[in-house]
Amino acid sequence: MPALELTDVRKVYEQGDAEIVALDHATITVGDDEIVALVGPSGSGKTTLLSIAGGLLSPTAGSVVVGEHDITEYRAKELTRFRRDEVGFVFQAVNLVPFLTARENIMVAAELAGRHREGETRERADRLLGELGLAERATNLPAQLSGGERQRVAIGRALMNEPKLILVDEPTSALDTKLGEQVMRLIVDEVKRRGTAAVVVTHDSRMTHYCDRVLEITDGQLHAA
């Protein structure tokens, strides 16, 4: 079963008497262990597509199926539960809680999903930190971490609940080339190790070779790069 299927998806915003088409009949299928890079200029619809795939935005038309979930007609509460349980997000702004340690920032994902069992949750968080090369940084606050380390904590948080789909928005935009490549290798390694799928939005063509397939989006229209 594919991890993600978007079929003929449109997203239209009204601005006065005009319509702004953010996505124009976009269709995409992502295999259950596939990593797809999504590239395109600013304003082309990349983040809109990612947000619709993750249930953060609803499409104007078309269907959105993530794993076994057809979320096209989901109501707000259903979408909240879906996002919490089924999808891992890694945003450009890592959005770590500033007063929580690296370990606690990862653990909070399980707590929000109602899966928190103190010993088990801490053990899993520490295991993820070890895999991410952050075992010695578990008790550090975000302000005490480098940009690359904060990104790695965000990746750990996204993986905490073992989602079937990871959505990553510009993971290397604030990093130099060396750190960017480290983060991309880490994403690929962690996703492939778990047999998970991922869609990675990036403007950095140097990072696309880490992915299985590259799609380009221009003016809301998808095509092979």
C-alpha atoms as a PDB file:
ATOM      1  CA  MET A   1       0.000   0.000   0.000  1.00  0.00           C
ATOM      2  CA  PRO A   2       1.414   3.442  -0.904  1.00  0.00           C
ATOM      3  CA  ALA A   3       2.301   5.723   1.978  1.00  0.00           C
ATOM      4  CA  LEU A   4       0.766   8.725   0.196  1.00  0.00           C
ATOM      5  CA  GLU A   5      -1.623   9.228  -2.701  1.00  0.00           C
ATOM      6  CA  LEU A   6      -2.714  12.672  -3.820  1.00  0.00           C
ATOM      7  CA  THR A   7      -5.114  12.548  -6.749  1.00  0.00           C
ATOM      8  CA  ASP A   8      -6.042  15.608  -8.831  1.00  0.00           C
ATOM      9  CA  VAL A   9      -5.576  17.898  -5.838  1.00  0.00           C
ATOM     10  CA  ARG A  10      -6.322  21.589  -6.199  1.00  0.00           C
ATOM     11  CA  LYS A  11      -5.877  24.338  -3.629  1.00  0.00           C
ATOM     12  CA  VAL A  12      -7.392  27.678  -4.480  1.00  0.00           C
ATOM     13  CA  TYR A  13      -7.373  30.838  -2.388  1.00  0.00           C
ATOM     14  CA  GLU A  14      -9.765  33.696  -3.020  1.00  0.00           C
ATOM     15  CA  GLN A  15      -8.341  37.196  -2.952  1.00  0.00           C
ATOM     16  CA  GLY A  16     -11.064  39.702  -3.562  1.00  0.00           C
ATOM     17  CA  ASP A  17     -12.595  38.825  -6.929  1.00  0.00           C
ATOM     18  CA  ALA A  18      -9.534  36.876  -7.997  1.00  0.00           C
ATOM     19  CA  GLU A  19      -8.501  33.271  -7.409  1.00  0.00           C
ATOM     20  CA  ILE A  20      -4.960  32.234  -6.577  1.00  0.00           C
ATOM     21  CA  VAL A  21      -4.225  28.648  -7.564  1.00  0.00           C
ATOM     22  CA  ALA A  22      -1.613  27.215  -5.193  1.00  0.00           C
ATOM     23  CA  LEU A  23      -1.963  23.619  -6.426  1.00  0.00           C
ATOM     24  CA  ASP A  24      -3.291  22.795  -9.870  1.00  0.00           C
ATOM     25  CA  HIS A  25      -4.528  19.192 -10.270  1.00  0.00           C
ATOM     26  CA  ALA A  26      -1.500  17.698  -8.498  1.00  0.00           C
ATOM     27  CA  THR A  27      -1.208  13.918  -8.486  1.00  0.00           C
ATOM     28  CA  ILE A  28       1.520  12.013  -6.659  1.00  0.00           C
ATOM     29  CA  THR A  29       2.022   8.508  -5.275  1.00  0.00           C
ATOM     30  CA  VAL A  30       4.784   7.803  -2.768  1.00  0.00           C
ATOM     31  CA  GLY A  31       5.738   4.192  -2.067  1.00  0.00           C
ATOM     32  CA  ASP A  32       5.789   2.903   1.488  1.00  0.00           C
ATOM     33  CA  ASP A  33       9.606   3.039   1.697  1.00  0.00           C
ATOM     34  CA  GLU A  34      10.310   5.785  -0.842  1.00  0.00           C
ATOM     35  CA  ILE A  35      11.951   9.167  -0.303  1.00  0.00           C
ATOM     36  CA  VAL A  36      10.749  11.818  -2.754  1.00  0.00           C
ATOM     37  CA  ALA A  37      12.350  15.239  -3.120  1.00  0.00           C
ATOM     38  CA  LEU A  38      10.047  18.108  -4.061  1.00  0.00           C
ATOM     39  CA  VAL A  39      11.809  21.070  -5.648  1.00  0.00           C
ATOM     40  CA  GLY A  40      10.668  24.334  -7.129  1.00  0.00           C
ATOM     41  CA  PRO A  41      10.968  28.098  -6.832  1.00  0.00           C
ATOM     42  CA  SER A  42       9.560  30.093  -3.943  1.00  0.00           C
ATOM     43  CA  GLY A  43       5.774  30.330  -4.160  1.00  0.00           C
ATOM     44  CA  SER A  44       5.463  27.323  -6.481  1.00  0.00           C
ATOM     45  CA  GLY A  45       3.263  25.290  -4.116  1.00  0.00           C
ATOM     46  CA  LYS A  46       5.807  23.049  -2.372  1.00  0.00           C
ATOM     47  CA  THR A  47       4.799  23.836   1.194  1.00  0.00           C
ATOM     48  CA  THR A  48       1.109  23.836   0.240  1.00  0.00           C
ATOM     49  CA  LEU A  49       1.428  20.290  -1.073  1.00  0.00           C
ATOM     50  CA  LEU A  50       3.307  19.202   2.039  1.00  0.00           C
ATOM     51  CA  SER A  51       0.687  20.803   4.292  1.00  0.00           C
ATOM     52  CA  ILE A  52      -2.164  19.066   2.477  1.00  0.00           C
ATOM     53  CA  ALA A  53      -0.367  15.709   2.636  1.00  0.00           C
ATOM     54  CA  GLY A  54       0.011  16.157   6.393  1.00  0.00           C
ATOM     55  CA  GLY A  55      -3.539  17.277   7.059  1.00  0.00           C
ATOM     56  CA  LEU A  56      -2.529  20.830   7.967  1.00  0.00           C
ATOM     57  CA  LEU A  57      -4.530  22.206   5.018  1.00  0.00           C
ATOM     58  CA  SER A  58      -7.614  20.835   3.309  1.00  0.00           C
ATOM     59  CA  PRO A  59      -7.719  20.660  -0.499  1.00  0.00           C
ATOM     60  CA  THR A  60     -10.251  22.618  -2.511  1.00  0.00           C
ATOM     61  CA  ALA A  61     -10.728  19.545  -4.699  1.00  0.00           C
ATOM     62  CA  GLY A  62      -9.213  16.101  -5.191  1.00  0.00           C
ATOM     63  CA  SER A  63      -8.428  13.287  -2.745  1.00  0.00           C
ATOM     64  CA  VAL A  64      -5.713  12.735  -0.143  1.00  0.00           C
ATOM     65  CA  VAL A  65      -4.960   9.231   1.138  1.00  0.00           C
ATOM     66  CA  VAL A  66      -2.178   8.563   3.645  1.00  0.00           C
ATOM     67  CA  GLY A  67      -1.643   4.863   4.245  1.00  0.00           C
ATOM     68  CA  GLU A  68      -5.043   3.492   5.247  1.00  0.00           C
ATOM     69  CA  HIS A  69      -6.487   6.935   5.907  1.00  0.00           C
ATOM     70  CA  ASP A  70      -8.529   8.830   3.340  1.00  0.00           C
ATOM     71  CA  ILE A  71      -8.308  12.224   5.029  1.00  0.00           C
ATOM     72  CA  THR A  72     -10.054  14.162   2.268  1.00  0.00           C
ATOM     73  CA  GLU A  73     -13.254  14.650   4.259  1.00  0.00           C
ATOM     74  CA  TYR A  74     -11.809  14.433   7.768  1.00  0.00           C
ATOM     75  CA  ARG A  75     -13.146  16.938  10.259  1.00  0.00           C
ATOM     76  CA  ALA A  76     -10.867  19.086  12.424  1.00  0.00           C
ATOM     77  CA  LYS A  77     -10.716  16.640  15.355  1.00  0.00           C
ATOM     78  CA  GLU A  78     -10.044  13.707  13.049  1.00  0.00           C
ATOM     79  CA  LEU A  79      -7.226  15.638  11.359  1.00  0.00           C
ATOM     80  CA  THR A  80      -5.691  16.518  14.723  1.00  0.00           C
ATOM     81  CA  ARG A  81      -5.654  12.840  15.722  1.00  0.00           C
ATOM     82  CA  PHE A  82      -4.323  11.848  12.297  1.00  0.00           C
ATOM     83  CA  ARG A  83      -1.439  14.345  12.431  1.00  0.00           C
ATOM     84  CA  ARG A  84      -0.567  13.287  15.945  1.00  0.00           C
ATOM     85  CA  ASP A  85      -0.543   9.543  15.265  1.00  0.00           C
ATOM     86  CA  GLU A  86       0.299   8.972  11.612  1.00  0.00           C
ATOM     87  CA  VAL A  87       2.687  11.674  10.354  1.00  0.00           C
ATOM     88  CA  GLY A  88       6.046  13.014  11.476  1.00  0.00           C
ATOM     89  CA  PHE A  89       6.857  16.627  10.648  1.00  0.00           C
ATOM     90  CA  VAL A  90      10.273  18.268  10.406  1.00  0.00           C
ATOM     91  CA  PHE A  91       9.800  21.973   9.767  1.00  0.00           C
ATOM     92  CA  GLN A  92      12.275  24.536   8.465  1.00  0.00           C
ATOM     93  CA  ALA A  93      11.952  26.303  11.823  1.00  0.00           C
ATOM     94  CA  VAL A  94      12.573  23.347  14.123  1.00  0.00           C
ATOM     95  CA  ASN A  95      10.031  24.620  16.697  1.00  0.00           C
ATOM     96  CA  LEU A  96      11.650  23.002  19.701  1.00  0.00           C
ATOM     97  CA  VAL A  97      10.214  23.947  23.086  1.00  0.00           C
ATOM     98  CA  PRO A  98      12.908  26.272  24.495  1.00  0.00           C
ATOM     99  CA  PHE A  99      12.505  25.278  28.148  1.00  0.00           C
ATOM    100  CA  LEU A 100      12.603  21.507  27.493  1.00  0.00           C
ATOM    101  CA  THR A 101      15.777  19.461  27.120  1.00  0.00           C
ATOM    102  CA  ALA A 102      16.615  17.565  23.939  1.00  0.00           C
ATOM    103  CA  ARG A 103      15.265  14.373  25.535  1.00  0.00           C
ATOM    104  CA  GLU A 104      12.074  16.079  26.684  1.00  0.00           C
ATOM    105  CA  ASN A 105      11.486  17.652  23.279  1.00  0.00           C
ATOM    106  CA  ILE A 106      11.460  14.158  21.791  1.00  0.00           C
ATOM    107  CA  MET A 107       9.378  12.643  24.589  1.00  0.00           C
ATOM    108  CA  VAL A 108       6.672  15.290  24.229  1.00  0.00           C
ATOM    109  CA  ALA A 109       5.570  13.716  20.922  1.00  0.00           C
ATOM    110  CA  ALA A 110       4.573  10.523  22.771  1.00  0.00           C
ATOM    111  CA  GLU A 111       2.900  12.519  25.531  1.00  0.00           C
ATOM    112  CA  LEU A 112       0.743  14.446  23.057  1.00  0.00           C
ATOM    113  CA  ALA A 113      -0.257  11.179  21.390  1.00  0.00           C
ATOM    114  CA  GLY A 114      -1.336   9.664  24.712  1.00  0.00           C
ATOM    115  CA  ARG A 115       1.388   7.020  24.448  1.00  0.00           C
ATOM    116  CA  HIS A 116       3.462   8.223  27.356  1.00  0.00           C
ATOM    117  CA  ARG A 117       4.760   5.531  29.689  1.00  0.00           C
ATOM    118  CA  GLU A 118       7.592   7.162  31.591  1.00  0.00           C
ATOM    119  CA  GLY A 119      10.159   4.366  31.424  1.00  0.00           C
ATOM    120  CA  GLU A 120       9.376   3.230  27.882  1.00  0.00           C
ATOM    121  CA  THR A 121       9.124   6.763  26.513  1.00  0.00           C
ATOM    122  CA  ARG A 122      12.412   7.846  28.048  1.00  0.00           C
ATOM    123  CA  GLU A 123      14.121   4.686  26.809  1.00  0.00           C
ATOM    124  CA  ARG A 124      12.910   5.253  23.250  1.00  0.00           C
ATOM    125  CA  ALA A 125      13.877   8.927  23.338  1.00  0.00           C
ATOM    126  CA  ASP A 126      17.367   8.017  24.549  1.00  0.00           C
ATOM    127  CA  ARG A 127      17.668   5.359  21.862  1.00  0.00           C
ATOM    128  CA  LEU A 128      16.775   7.913  19.200  1.00  0.00           C
ATOM    129  CA  LEU A 129      19.225  10.419  20.641  1.00  0.00           C
ATOM    130  CA  GLY A 130      21.930   7.748  20.477  1.00  0.00           C
ATOM    131  CA  GLU A 131      21.114   6.951  16.840  1.00  0.00           C
ATOM    132  CA  LEU A 132      21.210  10.659  16.054  1.00  0.00           C
ATOM    133  CA  GLY A 133      24.595  11.106  17.707  1.00  0.00           C
ATOM    134  CA  LEU A 134      23.170  13.200  20.529  1.00  0.00           C
ATOM    135  CA  ALA A 135      23.434  10.852  23.509  1.00  0.00           C
ATOM    136  CA  GLU A 136      25.656  13.293  25.360  1.00  0.00           C
ATOM    137  CA  ARG A 137      23.327  16.218  24.622  1.00  0.00           C
ATOM    138  CA  ALA A 138      20.162  14.697  26.101  1.00  0.00           C
ATOM    139  CA  THR A 139      19.924  17.189  28.958  1.00  0.00           C
ATOM    140  CA  ASN A 140      20.845  20.274  26.939  1.00  0.00           C
ATOM    141  CA  LEU A 141      18.275  22.955  26.180  1.00  0.00           C
ATOM    142  CA  PRO A 142      17.798  24.038  22.524  1.00  0.00           C
ATOM    143  CA  ALA A 143      19.756  27.250  23.139  1.00  0.00           C
ATOM    144  CA  GLN A 144      22.735  25.100  24.097  1.00  0.00           C
ATOM    145  CA  LEU A 145      22.634  23.143  20.818  1.00  0.00           C
ATOM    146  CA  SER A 146      24.008  24.010  17.400  1.00  0.00           C
ATOM    147  CA  GLY A 147      21.708  24.448  14.407  1.00  0.00           C
ATOM    148  CA  GLY A 148      22.519  20.959  13.163  1.00  0.00           C
ATOM    149  CA  GLU A 149      21.915  19.455  16.589  1.00  0.00           C
ATOM    150  CA  ARG A 150      18.530  21.163  16.855  1.00  0.00           C
ATOM    151  CA  GLN A 151      17.596  19.742  13.458  1.00  0.00           C
ATOM    152  CA  ARG A 152      18.561  16.272  14.662  1.00  0.00           C
ATOM    153  CA  VAL A 153      16.372  16.650  17.751  1.00  0.00           C
ATOM    154  CA  ALA A 154      13.504  17.658  15.451  1.00  0.00           C
ATOM    155  CA  ILE A 155      14.101  14.518  13.377  1.00  0.00           C
ATOM    156  CA  GLY A 156      14.022  12.409  16.544  1.00  0.00           C
ATOM    157  CA  ARG A 157      10.741  14.018  17.573  1.00  0.00           C
ATOM    158  CA  ALA A 158       9.270  13.269  14.140  1.00  0.00           C
ATOM    159  CA  LEU A 159      10.280   9.600  14.472  1.00  0.00           C
ATOM    160  CA  MET A 160       9.146   9.164  18.091  1.00  0.00           C
ATOM    161  CA  ASN A 161       5.693   7.744  17.325  1.00  0.00           C
ATOM    162  CA  GLU A 162       6.950   5.579  14.433  1.00  0.00           C
ATOM    163  CA  PRO A 163       4.856   7.245  11.708  1.00  0.00           C
ATOM    164  CA  LYS A 164       4.530   5.749   8.244  1.00  0.00           C
ATOM    165  CA  LEU A 165       5.121   9.108   6.550  1.00  0.00           C
ATOM    166  CA  ILE A 166       7.685  11.806   7.324  1.00  0.00           C
ATOM    167  CA  LEU A 167       7.196  15.287   5.846  1.00  0.00           C
ATOM    168  CA  VAL A 168      10.291  17.475   5.813  1.00  0.00           C
ATOM    169  CA  ASP A 169      10.253  21.180   4.906  1.00  0.00           C
ATOM    170  CA  GLU A 170      13.594  22.722   3.879  1.00  0.00           C
ATOM    171  CA  PRO A 171      15.734  20.808   6.393  1.00  0.00           C
ATOM    172  CA  THR A 172      19.031  22.303   5.227  1.00  0.00           C
ATOM    173  CA  SER A 173      18.069  25.920   4.531  1.00  0.00           C
ATOM    174  CA  ALA A 174      19.787  27.315   7.640  1.00  0.00           C
ATOM    175  CA  LEU A 175      22.819  25.000   7.429  1.00  0.00           C
ATOM    176  CA  ASP A 176      26.089  25.150   5.531  1.00  0.00           C
ATOM    177  CA  THR A 177      26.825  22.487   2.926  1.00  0.00           C
ATOM    178  CA  LYS A 178      28.645  20.125   5.280  1.00  0.00           C
ATOM    179  CA  LEU A 179      25.957  20.225   7.965  1.00  0.00           C
ATOM    180  CA  GLY A 180      23.226  20.072   5.327  1.00  0.00           C
ATOM    181  CA  GLU A 181      24.672  16.875   3.910  1.00  0.00           C
ATOM    182  CA  GLN A 182      24.950  15.377   7.399  1.00  0.00           C
ATOM    183  CA  VAL A 183      21.286  16.153   8.098  1.00  0.00           C
ATOM    184  CA  MET A 184      20.137  14.720   4.757  1.00  0.00           C
ATOM    185  CA  ARG A 185      22.159  11.538   5.243  1.00  0.00           C
ATOM    186  CA  LEU A 186      20.660  11.230   8.694  1.00  0.00           C
ATOM    187  CA  ILE A 187      17.106  11.627   7.402  1.00  0.00           C
ATOM    188  CA  VAL A 188      17.697   9.041   4.680  1.00  0.00           C
ATOM    189  CA  ASP A 189      19.366   6.569   7.048  1.00  0.00           C
ATOM    190  CA  GLU A 190      16.622   6.839   9.673  1.00  0.00           C
ATOM    191  CA  VAL A 191      13.777   6.651   7.142  1.00  0.00           C
ATOM    192  CA  LYS A 192      15.249   3.685   5.275  1.00  0.00           C
ATOM    193  CA  ARG A 193      16.109   1.836   8.478  1.00  0.00           C
ATOM    194  CA  ARG A 194      12.457   1.959   9.504  1.00  0.00           C
ATOM    195  CA  GLY A 195      10.908   1.269   6.090  1.00  0.00           C
ATOM    196  CA  THR A 196       9.180   4.636   6.289  1.00  0.00           C
ATOM    197  CA  ALA A 197       8.302   7.007   3.442  1.00  0.00           C
ATOM    198  CA  ALA A 198       9.288  10.664   3.257  1.00  0.00           C
ATOM    199  CA  VAL A 199       8.627  13.749   1.171  1.00  0.00           C
ATOM    200  CA  VAL A 200      11.412  16.308   1.426  1.00  0.00           C
ATOM    201  CA  VAL A 201      10.819  19.871   0.245  1.00  0.00           C
ATOM    202  CA  THR A 202      14.100  21.526  -0.679  1.00  0.00           C
ATOM    203  CA  HIS A 203      15.407  24.380  -2.771  1.00  0.00           C
ATOM    204  CA  ASP A 204      18.926  22.940  -2.588  1.00  0.00           C
ATOM    205  CA  SER A 205      19.649  20.803  -5.661  1.00  0.00           C
ATOM    206  CA  ARG A 206      22.828  19.531  -3.973  1.00  0.00           C
ATOM    207  CA  MET A 207      20.641  17.509  -1.603  1.00  0.00           C
ATOM    208  CA  THR A 208      18.296  15.830  -4.075  1.00  0.00           C
ATOM    209  CA  HIS A 209      20.663  12.953  -4.899  1.00  0.00           C
ATOM    210  CA  TYR A 210      19.957  11.536  -1.442  1.00  0.00           C
ATOM    211  CA  CYS A 211      16.353  10.866  -2.499  1.00  0.00           C
ATOM    212  CA  ASP A 212      14.907   8.041  -4.600  1.00  0.00           C
ATOM    213  CA  ARG A 213      13.008  10.363  -6.916  1.00  0.00           C
ATOM    214  CA  VAL A 214      12.774  14.077  -7.632  1.00  0.00           C
ATOM    215  CA  LEU A 215       9.593  15.938  -8.558  1.00  0.00           C
ATOM    216  CA  GLU A 216       9.488  19.569  -9.598  1.00  0.00           C
ATOM    217  CA  ILE A 217       6.563  21.878  -8.932  1.00  0.00           C
ATOM    218  CA  THR A 218       6.020  25.061 -10.909  1.00  0.00           C
ATOM    219  CA  ASP A 219       2.966  27.286 -10.575  1.00  0.00           C
ATOM    220  CA  GLY A 220       1.236  24.533  -8.620  1.00  0.00           C
ATOM    221  CA  GLN A 221       1.814  21.874 -11.292  1.00  0.00           C
ATOM    222  CA  LEU A 222       3.860  18.732 -10.636  1.00  0.00           C
ATOM    223  CA  HIS A 223       6.161  16.991 -13.082  1.00  0.00           C
ATOM    224  CA  ALA A 224       9.281  14.830 -13.045  1.00  0.00           C
ATOM    225  CA  ALA A 225      12.506  16.808 -12.645  1.00  0.00           C
END
